PDB file of N, CA and C in Angstrom:
ATOM      1  N   MET A   1      -9.348 -39.690  -4.213  1.00  0.00           N
ATOM      2  CA  MET A   1      -9.815 -41.037  -4.255  1.00  0.00           C
ATOM      3  C   MET A   1     -11.329 -41.068  -4.429  1.00  0.00           C
ATOM      4  N   ASP A   2     -11.826 -41.942  -5.303  1.00  0.00           N
ATOM      5  CA  ASP A   2     -13.263 -42.076  -5.452  1.00  0.00           C
ATOM      6  C   ASP A   2     -13.640 -43.536  -5.654  1.00  0.00           C
ATOM      7  N   LEU A   3     -14.899 -43.791  -5.865  1.00  0.00           N
ATOM      8  CA  LEU A   3     -15.439 -45.140  -5.980  1.00  0.00           C
ATOM      9  C   LEU A   3     -14.745 -45.959  -7.062  1.00  0.00           C
ATOM     10  N   ALA A   4     -14.327 -45.336  -8.147  1.00  0.00           N
ATOM     11  CA  ALA A   4     -13.683 -46.053  -9.252  1.00  0.00           C
ATOM     12  C   ALA A   4     -12.331 -46.641  -8.841  1.00  0.00           C
ATOM     13  N   ASP A   5     -11.723 -46.134  -7.768  1.00  0.00           N
ATOM     14  CA  ASP A   5     -10.433 -46.639  -7.304  1.00  0.00           C
ATOM     15  C   ASP A   5     -10.547 -47.940  -6.510  1.00  0.00           C
ATOM     16  N   LEU A   6     -11.744 -48.278  -6.070  1.00  0.00           N
ATOM     17  CA  LEU A   6     -11.932 -49.470  -5.238  1.00  0.00           C
ATOM     18  C   LEU A   6     -11.957 -50.733  -6.086  1.00  0.00           C
ATOM     19  N   ARG A   7     -11.431 -51.820  -5.522  1.00  0.00           N
ATOM     20  CA  ARG A   7     -11.424 -53.110  -6.195  1.00  0.00           C
ATOM     21  C   ARG A   7     -12.556 -53.971  -5.648  1.00  0.00           C
ATOM     22  N   ARG A   8     -13.123 -54.808  -6.489  1.00  0.00           N
ATOM     23  CA  ARG A   8     -14.212 -55.694  -6.073  1.00  0.00           C
ATOM     24  C   ARG A   8     -13.651 -56.978  -5.480  1.00  0.00           C
ATOM     25  N   LEU A   9     -14.443 -57.594  -4.593  1.00  0.00           N
ATOM     26  CA  LEU A   9     -14.061 -58.853  -3.958  1.00  0.00           C
ATOM     27  C   LEU A   9     -15.096 -59.911  -4.300  1.00  0.00           C
ATOM     28  N   GLY A  10     -14.648 -61.061  -4.772  1.00  0.00           N
ATOM     29  CA  GLY A  10     -15.550 -62.147  -5.142  1.00  0.00           C
ATOM     30  C   GLY A  10     -15.880 -63.050  -3.972  1.00  0.00           C
ATOM     31  N   CYS A  11     -17.141 -63.444  -3.888  1.00  0.00           N
ATOM     32  CA  CYS A  11     -17.603 -64.351  -2.831  1.00  0.00           C
ATOM     33  C   CYS A  11     -16.861 -65.685  -2.946  1.00  0.00           C
ATOM     34  N   PRO A  12     -16.373 -66.240  -1.824  1.00  0.00           N
ATOM     35  CA  PRO A  12     -15.687 -67.531  -1.879  1.00  0.00           C
ATOM     36  C   PRO A  12     -16.624 -68.699  -2.209  1.00  0.00           C
ATOM     37  N   HIS A  13     -17.934 -68.473  -2.152  1.00  0.00           N
ATOM     38  CA  HIS A  13     -18.897 -69.539  -2.428  1.00  0.00           C
ATOM     39  C   HIS A  13     -19.436 -69.471  -3.851  1.00  0.00           C
ATOM     40  N   CYS A  14     -19.961 -68.307  -4.259  1.00  0.00           N
ATOM     41  CA  CYS A  14     -20.585 -68.203  -5.582  1.00  0.00           C
ATOM     42  C   CYS A  14     -19.716 -67.477  -6.601  1.00  0.00           C
ATOM     43  N   GLY A  15     -18.671 -66.787  -6.129  1.00  0.00           N
ATOM     44  CA  GLY A  15     -17.763 -66.089  -7.026  1.00  0.00           C
ATOM     45  C   GLY A  15     -18.210 -64.717  -7.491  1.00  0.00           C
ATOM     46  N   ARG A  16     -19.420 -64.316  -7.164  1.00  0.00           N
ATOM     47  CA  ARG A  16     -19.911 -63.021  -7.627  1.00  0.00           C
ATOM     48  C   ARG A  16     -19.138 -61.876  -6.946  1.00  0.00           C
ATOM     49  N   PRO A  17     -18.623 -60.929  -7.731  1.00  0.00           N
ATOM     50  CA  PRO A  17     -17.864 -59.830  -7.150  1.00  0.00           C
ATOM     51  C   PRO A  17     -18.762 -58.737  -6.571  1.00  0.00           C
ATOM     52  N   HIS A  18     -18.289 -58.134  -5.480  1.00  0.00           N
ATOM     53  CA  HIS A  18     -19.031 -57.059  -4.816  1.00  0.00           C
ATOM     54  C   HIS A  18     -18.081 -55.921  -4.480  1.00  0.00           C
ATOM     55  N   ASP A  19     -18.596 -54.700  -4.541  1.00  0.00           N
ATOM     56  CA  ASP A  19     -17.846 -53.544  -4.063  1.00  0.00           C
ATOM     57  C   ASP A  19     -17.708 -53.653  -2.550  1.00  0.00           C
ATOM     58  N   LEU A  20     -16.606 -53.134  -2.017  1.00  0.00           N
ATOM     59  CA  LEU A  20     -16.386 -53.189  -0.573  1.00  0.00           C
ATOM     60  C   LEU A  20     -17.492 -52.478   0.200  1.00  0.00           C
ATOM     61  N   LEU A  21     -18.007 -51.373  -0.337  1.00  0.00           N
ATOM     62  CA  LEU A  21     -19.096 -50.670   0.355  1.00  0.00           C
ATOM     63  C   LEU A  21     -20.343 -51.545   0.473  1.00  0.00           C
ATOM     64  N   VAL A  22     -20.635 -52.344  -0.541  1.00  0.00           N
ATOM     65  CA  VAL A  22     -21.787 -53.265  -0.493  1.00  0.00           C
ATOM     66  C   VAL A  22     -21.562 -54.312   0.595  1.00  0.00           C
ATOM     67  N   LEU A  23     -20.336 -54.833   0.674  1.00  0.00           N
ATOM     68  CA  LEU A  23     -20.032 -55.833   1.698  1.00  0.00           C
ATOM     69  C   LEU A  23     -20.095 -55.234   3.098  1.00  0.00           C
ATOM     70  N   LEU A  24     -19.611 -54.019   3.249  1.00  0.00           N
ATOM     71  CA  LEU A  24     -19.694 -53.364   4.561  1.00  0.00           C
ATOM     72  C   LEU A  24     -21.146 -53.081   4.952  1.00  0.00           C
ATOM     73  N   ASP A  25     -21.979 -52.744   3.983  1.00  0.00           N
ATOM     74  CA  ASP A  25     -23.411 -52.564   4.277  1.00  0.00           C
ATOM     75  C   ASP A  25     -24.049 -53.870   4.742  1.00  0.00           C
ATOM     76  N   ALA A  26     -23.555 -55.009   4.228  1.00  0.00           N
ATOM     77  CA  ALA A  26     -24.104 -56.319   4.584  1.00  0.00           C
ATOM     78  C   ALA A  26     -23.535 -56.852   5.901  1.00  0.00           C
ATOM     79  N   ALA A  27     -22.482 -56.219   6.420  1.00  0.00           N
ATOM     80  CA  ALA A  27     -21.831 -56.705   7.640  1.00  0.00           C
ATOM     81  C   ALA A  27     -22.797 -56.697   8.822  1.00  0.00           C
ATOM     82  N   GLU A  28     -22.746 -57.784   9.587  1.00  0.00           N
ATOM     83  CA  GLU A  28     -23.641 -57.961  10.730  1.00  0.00           C
ATOM     84  C   GLU A  28     -22.938 -57.679  12.055  1.00  0.00           C
ATOM     85  N   GLY A  29     -21.635 -57.554  12.015  1.00  0.00           N
ATOM     86  CA  GLY A  29     -20.843 -57.320  13.218  1.00  0.00           C
ATOM     87  C   GLY A  29     -19.407 -57.674  12.925  1.00  0.00           C
ATOM     88  N   SER A  30     -18.601 -57.771  13.990  1.00  0.00           N
ATOM     89  CA  SER A  30     -17.210 -58.151  13.811  1.00  0.00           C
ATOM     90  C   SER A  30     -16.848 -59.276  14.768  1.00  0.00           C
ATOM     91  N   HIS A  31     -15.904 -60.084  14.341  1.00  0.00           N
ATOM     92  CA  HIS A  31     -15.469 -61.255  15.088  1.00  0.00           C
ATOM     93  C   HIS A  31     -14.644 -60.816  16.292  1.00  0.00           C
ATOM     94  N   ARG A  32     -14.783 -61.500  17.386  1.00  0.00           N
ATOM     95  CA  ARG A  32     -14.050 -61.128  18.607  1.00  0.00           C
ATOM     96  C   ARG A  32     -12.567 -61.441  18.522  1.00  0.00           C
ATOM     97  N   ALA A  33     -12.176 -62.425  17.699  1.00  0.00           N
ATOM     98  CA  ALA A  33     -10.789 -62.890  17.683  1.00  0.00           C
ATOM     99  C   ALA A  33      -9.884 -62.166  16.694  1.00  0.00           C
ATOM    100  N   GLY A  34     -10.433 -61.311  15.851  1.00  0.00           N
ATOM    101  CA  GLY A  34      -9.581 -60.656  14.864  1.00  0.00           C
ATOM    102  C   GLY A  34     -10.284 -59.527  14.144  1.00  0.00           C
ATOM    103  N   PRO A  35      -9.605 -58.920  13.155  1.00  0.00           N
ATOM    104  CA  PRO A  35     -10.169 -57.782  12.416  1.00  0.00           C
ATOM    105  C   PRO A  35     -11.094 -58.233  11.287  1.00  0.00           C
ATOM    106  N   TRP A  36     -12.062 -59.061  11.627  1.00  0.00           N
ATOM    107  CA  TRP A  36     -12.928 -59.679  10.621  1.00  0.00           C
ATOM    108  C   TRP A  36     -14.381 -59.276  10.836  1.00  0.00           C
ATOM    109  N   ALA A  37     -15.006 -58.812   9.778  1.00  0.00           N
ATOM    110  CA  ALA A  37     -16.441 -58.529   9.810  1.00  0.00           C
ATOM    111  C   ALA A  37     -17.176 -59.805   9.400  1.00  0.00           C
ATOM    112  N   THR A  38     -18.299 -60.068  10.034  1.00  0.00           N
ATOM    113  CA  THR A  38     -19.121 -61.217   9.676  1.00  0.00           C
ATOM    114  C   THR A  38     -20.269 -60.725   8.799  1.00  0.00           C
ATOM    115  N   LEU A  39     -20.597 -61.494   7.770  1.00  0.00           N
ATOM    116  CA  LEU A  39     -21.673 -61.119   6.854  1.00  0.00           C
ATOM    117  C   LEU A  39     -22.139 -62.331   6.080  1.00  0.00           C
ATOM    118  N   HIS A  40     -23.217 -62.148   5.339  1.00  0.00           N
ATOM    119  CA  HIS A  40     -23.696 -63.141   4.382  1.00  0.00           C
ATOM    120  C   HIS A  40     -23.591 -62.515   3.004  1.00  0.00           C
ATOM    121  N   CYS A  41     -23.143 -63.291   2.027  1.00  0.00           N
ATOM    122  CA  CYS A  41     -22.984 -62.789   0.667  1.00  0.00           C
ATOM    123  C   CYS A  41     -24.298 -62.186   0.193  1.00  0.00           C
ATOM    124  N   PRO A  42     -24.267 -60.950  -0.327  1.00  0.00           N
ATOM    125  CA  PRO A  42     -25.497 -60.328  -0.832  1.00  0.00           C
ATOM    126  C   PRO A  42     -26.130 -61.084  -2.006  1.00  0.00           C
ATOM    127  N   ALA A  43     -25.343 -61.905  -2.707  1.00  0.00           N
ATOM    128  CA  ALA A  43     -25.876 -62.642  -3.861  1.00  0.00           C
ATOM    129  C   ALA A  43     -26.420 -64.014  -3.488  1.00  0.00           C
ATOM    130  N   CYS A  44     -25.623 -64.825  -2.778  1.00  0.00           N
ATOM    131  CA  CYS A  44     -26.030 -66.214  -2.522  1.00  0.00           C
ATOM    132  C   CYS A  44     -26.437 -66.481  -1.074  1.00  0.00           C
ATOM    133  N   GLY A  45     -26.142 -65.556  -0.168  1.00  0.00           N
ATOM    134  CA  GLY A  45     -26.521 -65.717   1.232  1.00  0.00           C
ATOM    135  C   GLY A  45     -25.585 -66.574   2.059  1.00  0.00           C
ATOM    136  N   ALA A  46     -24.479 -67.040   1.481  1.00  0.00           N
ATOM    137  CA  ALA A  46     -23.533 -67.878   2.216  1.00  0.00           C
ATOM    138  C   ALA A  46     -22.790 -67.042   3.256  1.00  0.00           C
ATOM    139  N   PRO A  47     -22.451 -67.629   4.408  1.00  0.00           N
ATOM    140  CA  PRO A  47     -21.698 -66.892   5.421  1.00  0.00           C
ATOM    141  C   PRO A  47     -20.275 -66.618   4.945  1.00  0.00           C
ATOM    142  N   CYS A  48     -19.796 -65.413   5.203  1.00  0.00           N
ATOM    143  CA  CYS A  48     -18.457 -64.988   4.805  1.00  0.00           C
ATOM    144  C   CYS A  48     -17.842 -64.163   5.930  1.00  0.00           C
ATOM    145  N   ALA A  49     -16.560 -63.921   5.785  1.00  0.00           N
ATOM    146  CA  ALA A  49     -15.848 -63.022   6.687  1.00  0.00           C
ATOM    147  C   ALA A  49     -15.044 -62.055   5.836  1.00  0.00           C
ATOM    148  N   LEU A  50     -14.973 -60.836   6.286  1.00  0.00           N
ATOM    149  CA  LEU A  50     -14.258 -59.777   5.594  1.00  0.00           C
ATOM    150  C   LEU A  50     -13.139 -59.301   6.504  1.00  0.00           C
ATOM    151  N   GLU A  51     -11.886 -59.535   6.093  1.00  0.00           N
ATOM    152  CA  GLU A  51     -10.746 -59.086   6.885  1.00  0.00           C
ATOM    153  C   GLU A  51     -10.396 -57.667   6.450  1.00  0.00           C
ATOM    154  N   LEU A  52     -10.256 -56.780   7.421  1.00  0.00           N
ATOM    155  CA  LEU A  52      -9.971 -55.366   7.153  1.00  0.00           C
ATOM    156  C   LEU A  52      -8.733 -54.975   7.937  1.00  0.00           C
ATOM    157  N   ALA A  53      -7.661 -54.636   7.225  1.00  0.00           N
ATOM    158  CA  ALA A  53      -6.421 -54.263   7.891  1.00  0.00           C
ATOM    159  C   ALA A  53      -5.662 -53.279   7.018  1.00  0.00           C
ATOM    160  N   GLY A  54      -5.272 -52.161   7.603  1.00  0.00           N
ATOM    161  CA  GLY A  54      -4.556 -51.148   6.829  1.00  0.00           C
ATOM    162  C   GLY A  54      -5.382 -50.706   5.631  1.00  0.00           C
ATOM    163  N   GLU A  55      -4.797 -50.742   4.462  1.00  0.00           N
ATOM    164  CA  GLU A  55      -5.525 -50.414   3.232  1.00  0.00           C
ATOM    165  C   GLU A  55      -5.823 -51.677   2.430  1.00  0.00           C
ATOM    166  N   THR A  56      -6.001 -52.797   3.139  1.00  0.00           N
ATOM    167  CA  THR A  56      -6.245 -54.080   2.486  1.00  0.00           C
ATOM    168  C   THR A  56      -7.544 -54.699   2.995  1.00  0.00           C
ATOM    169  N   ALA A  57      -8.287 -55.284   2.057  1.00  0.00           N
ATOM    170  CA  ALA A  57      -9.501 -56.016   2.413  1.00  0.00           C
ATOM    171  C   ALA A  57      -9.414 -57.409   1.793  1.00  0.00           C
ATOM    172  N   ALA A  58      -9.901 -58.396   2.514  1.00  0.00           N
ATOM    173  CA  ALA A  58      -9.913 -59.768   2.020  1.00  0.00           C
ATOM    174  C   ALA A  58     -11.265 -60.388   2.352  1.00  0.00           C
ATOM    175  N   LEU A  59     -11.775 -61.183   1.429  1.00  0.00           N
ATOM    176  CA  LEU A  59     -13.038 -61.881   1.647  1.00  0.00           C
ATOM    177  C   LEU A  59     -12.743 -63.373   1.707  1.00  0.00           C
ATOM    178  N   GLY A  60     -13.299 -64.036   2.694  1.00  0.00           N
ATOM    179  CA  GLY A  60     -13.071 -65.467   2.869  1.00  0.00           C
ATOM    180  C   GLY A  60     -13.975 -66.003   3.959  1.00  0.00           C
ATOM    181  N   ARG A  61     -13.386 -66.846   4.818  1.00  0.00           N
ATOM    182  CA  ARG A  61     -14.164 -67.392   5.932  1.00  0.00           C
ATOM    183  C   ARG A  61     -13.252 -67.551   7.140  1.00  0.00           C
ATOM    184  N   VAL A  62     -13.850 -67.599   8.317  1.00  0.00           N
ATOM    185  CA  VAL A  62     -13.107 -67.829   9.555  1.00  0.00           C
ATOM    186  C   VAL A  62     -13.296 -69.291   9.927  1.00  0.00           C
ATOM    187  N   GLU A  63     -12.172 -69.985  10.081  1.00  0.00           N
ATOM    188  CA  GLU A  63     -12.196 -71.374  10.521  1.00  0.00           C
ATOM    189  C   GLU A  63     -11.853 -71.386  12.001  1.00  0.00           C
ATOM    190  N   ALA A  64     -12.600 -72.128  12.790  1.00  0.00           N
ATOM    191  CA  ALA A  64     -12.463 -72.057  14.248  1.00  0.00           C
ATOM    192  C   ALA A  64     -11.759 -73.258  14.865  1.00  0.00           C
ATOM    193  N   VAL A  65     -10.920 -73.961  14.103  1.00  0.00           N
ATOM    194  CA  VAL A  65     -10.246 -75.111  14.675  1.00  0.00           C
ATOM    195  C   VAL A  65      -8.737 -74.954  14.648  1.00  0.00           C
ATOM    196  N   PRO A  66      -8.001 -75.121  15.714  1.00  0.00           N
ATOM    197  CA  PRO A  66      -8.457 -75.085  17.099  1.00  0.00           C
ATOM    198  C   PRO A  66      -8.679 -73.653  17.576  1.00  0.00           C
ATOM    199  N   ARG A  67      -8.068 -72.661  16.872  1.00  0.00           N
ATOM    200  CA  ARG A  67      -8.304 -71.245  17.165  1.00  0.00           C
ATOM    201  C   ARG A  67      -8.861 -70.593  15.916  1.00  0.00           C
ATOM    202  N   ALA A  68      -9.457 -69.442  16.091  1.00  0.00           N
ATOM    203  CA  ALA A  68      -9.996 -68.716  14.944  1.00  0.00           C
ATOM    204  C   ALA A  68      -8.864 -68.353  13.989  1.00  0.00           C
ATOM    205  N   LEU A  69      -9.045 -68.696  12.713  1.00  0.00           N
ATOM    206  CA  LEU A  69      -8.056 -68.441  11.680  1.00  0.00           C
ATOM    207  C   LEU A  69      -8.790 -68.004  10.425  1.00  0.00           C
ATOM    208  N   PHE A  70      -8.346 -66.911   9.822  1.00  0.00           N
ATOM    209  CA  PHE A  70      -8.983 -66.396   8.621  1.00  0.00           C
ATOM    210  C   PHE A  70      -8.396 -67.077   7.393  1.00  0.00           C
ATOM    211  N   ALA A  71      -9.258 -67.577   6.513  1.00  0.00           N
ATOM    212  CA  ALA A  71      -8.843 -68.211   5.257  1.00  0.00           C
ATOM    213  C   ALA A  71      -9.345 -67.354   4.103  1.00  0.00           C
ATOM    214  N   PRO A  72      -8.468 -66.509   3.511  1.00  0.00           N
ATOM    215  CA  PRO A  72      -8.919 -65.602   2.452  1.00  0.00           C
ATOM    216  C   PRO A  72      -9.108 -66.310   1.115  1.00  0.00           C
ATOM    217  N   ALA A  73     -10.149 -65.930   0.396  1.00  0.00           N
ATOM    218  CA  ALA A  73     -10.350 -66.389  -0.977  1.00  0.00           C
ATOM    219  C   ALA A  73      -9.747 -65.369  -1.930  1.00  0.00           C
ATOM    220  N   VAL A  74      -9.806 -64.094  -1.557  1.00  0.00           N
ATOM    221  CA  VAL A  74      -9.248 -63.009  -2.368  1.00  0.00           C
ATOM    222  C   VAL A  74      -8.848 -61.870  -1.443  1.00  0.00           C
ATOM    223  N   ARG A  75      -7.718 -61.239  -1.748  1.00  0.00           N
ATOM    224  CA  ARG A  75      -7.230 -60.108  -0.957  1.00  0.00           C
ATOM    225  C   ARG A  75      -6.851 -59.001  -1.929  1.00  0.00           C
ATOM    226  N   VAL A  76      -7.325 -57.781  -1.673  1.00  0.00           N
ATOM    227  CA  VAL A  76      -7.036 -56.654  -2.564  1.00  0.00           C
ATOM    228  C   VAL A  76      -6.697 -55.410  -1.759  1.00  0.00           C
ATOM    229  N   ARG A  77      -5.934 -54.532  -2.386  1.00  0.00           N
ATOM    230  CA  ARG A  77      -5.619 -53.237  -1.782  1.00  0.00           C
ATOM    231  C   ARG A  77      -6.806 -52.309  -2.004  1.00  0.00           C
ATOM    232  N   GLN A  78      -7.211 -51.612  -0.963  1.00  0.00           N
ATOM    233  CA  GLN A  78      -8.326 -50.667  -1.031  1.00  0.00           C
ATOM    234  C   GLN A  78      -7.822 -49.300  -0.593  1.00  0.00           C
ATOM    235  N   PRO A  79      -7.413 -48.450  -1.543  1.00  0.00           N
ATOM    236  CA  PRO A  79      -6.897 -47.127  -1.171  1.00  0.00           C
ATOM    237  C   PRO A  79      -7.913 -46.331  -0.353  1.00  0.00           C
ATOM    238  N   GLY A  80      -7.419 -45.703   0.701  1.00  0.00           N
ATOM    239  CA  GLY A  80      -8.285 -44.866   1.530  1.00  0.00           C
ATOM    240  C   GLY A  80      -9.011 -45.598   2.641  1.00  0.00           C
ATOM    241  N   LEU A  81      -8.900 -46.921   2.698  1.00  0.00           N
ATOM    242  CA  LEU A  81      -9.540 -47.694   3.764  1.00  0.00           C
ATOM    243  C   LEU A  81      -8.809 -47.422   5.074  1.00  0.00           C
ATOM    244  N   ARG A  82      -9.575 -47.076   6.100  1.00  0.00           N
ATOM    245  CA  ARG A  82      -9.016 -46.854   7.431  1.00  0.00           C
ATOM    246  C   ARG A  82      -9.792 -47.719   8.422  1.00  0.00           C
ATOM    247  N   VAL A  83      -9.063 -48.468   9.233  1.00  0.00           N
ATOM    248  CA  VAL A  83      -9.681 -49.385  10.189  1.00  0.00           C
ATOM    249  C   VAL A  83      -9.047 -49.187  11.562  1.00  0.00           C
ATOM    250  N   ARG A  84      -9.904 -49.048  12.568  1.00  0.00           N
ATOM    251  CA  ARG A  84      -9.444 -48.980  13.957  1.00  0.00           C
ATOM    252  C   ARG A  84     -10.116 -50.098  14.730  1.00  0.00           C
ATOM    253  N   SER A  85      -9.310 -50.884  15.397  1.00  0.00           N
ATOM    254  CA  SER A  85      -9.839 -51.965  16.216  1.00  0.00           C
ATOM    255  C   SER A  85      -9.995 -51.467  17.641  1.00  0.00           C
ATOM    256  N   GLN A  86     -11.196 -51.599  18.174  1.00  0.00           N
ATOM    257  CA  GLN A  86     -11.483 -51.237  19.551  1.00  0.00           C
ATOM    258  C   GLN A  86     -11.987 -52.486  20.266  1.00  0.00           C
ATOM    259  N   PRO A  87     -11.949 -52.529  21.587  1.00  0.00           N
ATOM    260  CA  PRO A  87     -12.380 -53.726  22.301  1.00  0.00           C
ATOM    261  C   PRO A  87     -13.808 -54.158  21.969  1.00  0.00           C
ATOM    262  N   ASP A  88     -14.697 -53.206  21.713  1.00  0.00           N
ATOM    263  CA  ASP A  88     -16.098 -53.551  21.483  1.00  0.00           C
ATOM    264  C   ASP A  88     -16.548 -53.411  20.030  1.00  0.00           C
ATOM    265  N   ALA A  89     -15.651 -52.980  19.124  1.00  0.00           N
ATOM    266  CA  ALA A  89     -16.070 -52.784  17.728  1.00  0.00           C
ATOM    267  C   ALA A  89     -14.871 -52.566  16.812  1.00  0.00           C
ATOM    268  N   LEU A  90     -15.115 -52.778  15.516  1.00  0.00           N
ATOM    269  CA  LEU A  90     -14.201 -52.330  14.467  1.00  0.00           C
ATOM    270  C   LEU A  90     -14.806 -51.061  13.895  1.00  0.00           C
ATOM    271  N   VAL A  91     -14.011 -50.022  13.756  1.00  0.00           N
ATOM    272  CA  VAL A  91     -14.480 -48.785  13.153  1.00  0.00           C
ATOM    273  C   VAL A  91     -13.809 -48.687  11.784  1.00  0.00           C
ATOM    274  N   VAL A  92     -14.631 -48.646  10.739  1.00  0.00           N
ATOM    275  CA  VAL A  92     -14.140 -48.674   9.369  1.00  0.00           C
ATOM    276  C   VAL A  92     -14.571 -47.398   8.663  1.00  0.00           C
ATOM    277  N   GLU A  93     -13.624 -46.742   8.008  1.00  0.00           N
ATOM    278  CA  GLU A  93     -13.922 -45.542   7.236  1.00  0.00           C
ATOM    279  C   GLU A  93     -13.450 -45.758   5.810  1.00  0.00           C
ATOM    280  N   LEU A  94     -14.321 -45.458   4.862  1.00  0.00           N
ATOM    281  CA  LEU A  94     -14.015 -45.613   3.444  1.00  0.00           C
ATOM    282  C   LEU A  94     -14.816 -44.581   2.671  1.00  0.00           C
ATOM    283  N   LEU A  95     -14.114 -43.811   1.839  1.00  0.00           N
ATOM    284  CA  LEU A  95     -14.716 -42.699   1.108  1.00  0.00           C
ATOM    285  C   LEU A  95     -15.435 -41.794   2.109  1.00  0.00           C
ATOM    286  N   HIS A  96     -16.701 -41.542   1.895  1.00  0.00           N
ATOM    287  CA  HIS A  96     -17.478 -40.657   2.768  1.00  0.00           C
ATOM    288  C   HIS A  96     -18.257 -41.421   3.834  1.00  0.00           C
ATOM    289  N   ARG A  97     -18.017 -42.746   3.959  1.00  0.00           N
ATOM    290  CA  ARG A  97     -18.803 -43.580   4.860  1.00  0.00           C
ATOM    291  C   ARG A  97     -18.000 -44.013   6.076  1.00  0.00           C
ATOM    292  N   ARG A  98     -18.719 -44.237   7.166  1.00  0.00           N
ATOM    293  CA  ARG A  98     -18.141 -44.753   8.409  1.00  0.00           C
ATOM    294  C   ARG A  98     -19.025 -45.885   8.898  1.00  0.00           C
ATOM    295  N   PHE A  99     -18.412 -47.003   9.247  1.00  0.00           N
ATOM    296  CA  PHE A  99     -19.123 -48.185   9.720  1.00  0.00           C
ATOM    297  C   PHE A  99     -18.581 -48.540  11.101  1.00  0.00           C
ATOM    298  N   VAL A 100     -19.466 -48.795  12.042  1.00  0.00           N
ATOM    299  CA  VAL A 100     -19.081 -49.263  13.368  1.00  0.00           C
ATOM    300  C   VAL A 100     -19.633 -50.676  13.486  1.00  0.00           C
ATOM    301  N   LEU A 101     -18.726 -51.655  13.464  1.00  0.00           N
ATOM    302  CA  LEU A 101     -19.113 -53.056  13.473  1.00  0.00           C
ATOM    303  C   LEU A 101     -18.894 -53.625  14.871  1.00  0.00           C
ATOM    304  N   THR A 102     -19.974 -53.760  15.610  1.00  0.00           N
ATOM    305  CA  THR A 102     -19.943 -54.232  16.988  1.00  0.00           C
ATOM    306  C   THR A 102     -19.430 -55.673  17.036  1.00  0.00           C
ATOM    307  N   ARG A 103     -18.634 -55.965  18.045  1.00  0.00           N
ATOM    308  CA  ARG A 103     -18.094 -57.320  18.222  1.00  0.00           C
ATOM    309  C   ARG A 103     -19.227 -58.307  18.511  1.00  0.00           C
ATOM    310  N   ASN A 104     -19.183 -59.465  17.830  1.00  0.00           N
ATOM    311  CA  ASN A 104     -20.163 -60.524  18.066  1.00  0.00           C
ATOM    312  C   ASN A 104     -19.904 -61.139  19.433  1.00  0.00           C
ATOM    313  N   LYS A 105     -20.944 -61.591  20.079  1.00  0.00           N
ATOM    314  CA  LYS A 105     -20.832 -62.165  21.411  1.00  0.00           C
ATOM    315  C   LYS A 105     -20.204 -63.554  21.369  1.00  0.00           C
ATOM    316  N   ALA A 106     -20.496 -64.313  20.314  1.00  0.00           N
ATOM    317  CA  ALA A 106     -19.972 -65.705  20.245  1.00  0.00           C
ATOM    318  C   ALA A 106     -18.694 -65.779  19.475  1.00  0.00           C
TER     319      ALA A 106
END
């Protein structure tokens, strides 16, 4: 598996596609209610959420009424993506990279 196998995800606000590694680099933490990384789009700066589960990634937003619910704009299979949910962080491994996304306090 290499970088060419990864699929790009388009921002739900501006539509610009990004590699998953770019989105993971932009991640600011992870949501307490689910397997979602919080970030701002590297192109337009709009707030987004990245759902990471199994070998699937989805880009969208988290709606908080009445409970946190993920609304995906795009969902793609990402071969080799490994995600472990821990009480204080999401641990994400992809290609040669490892990301530890600490749970947000709010």
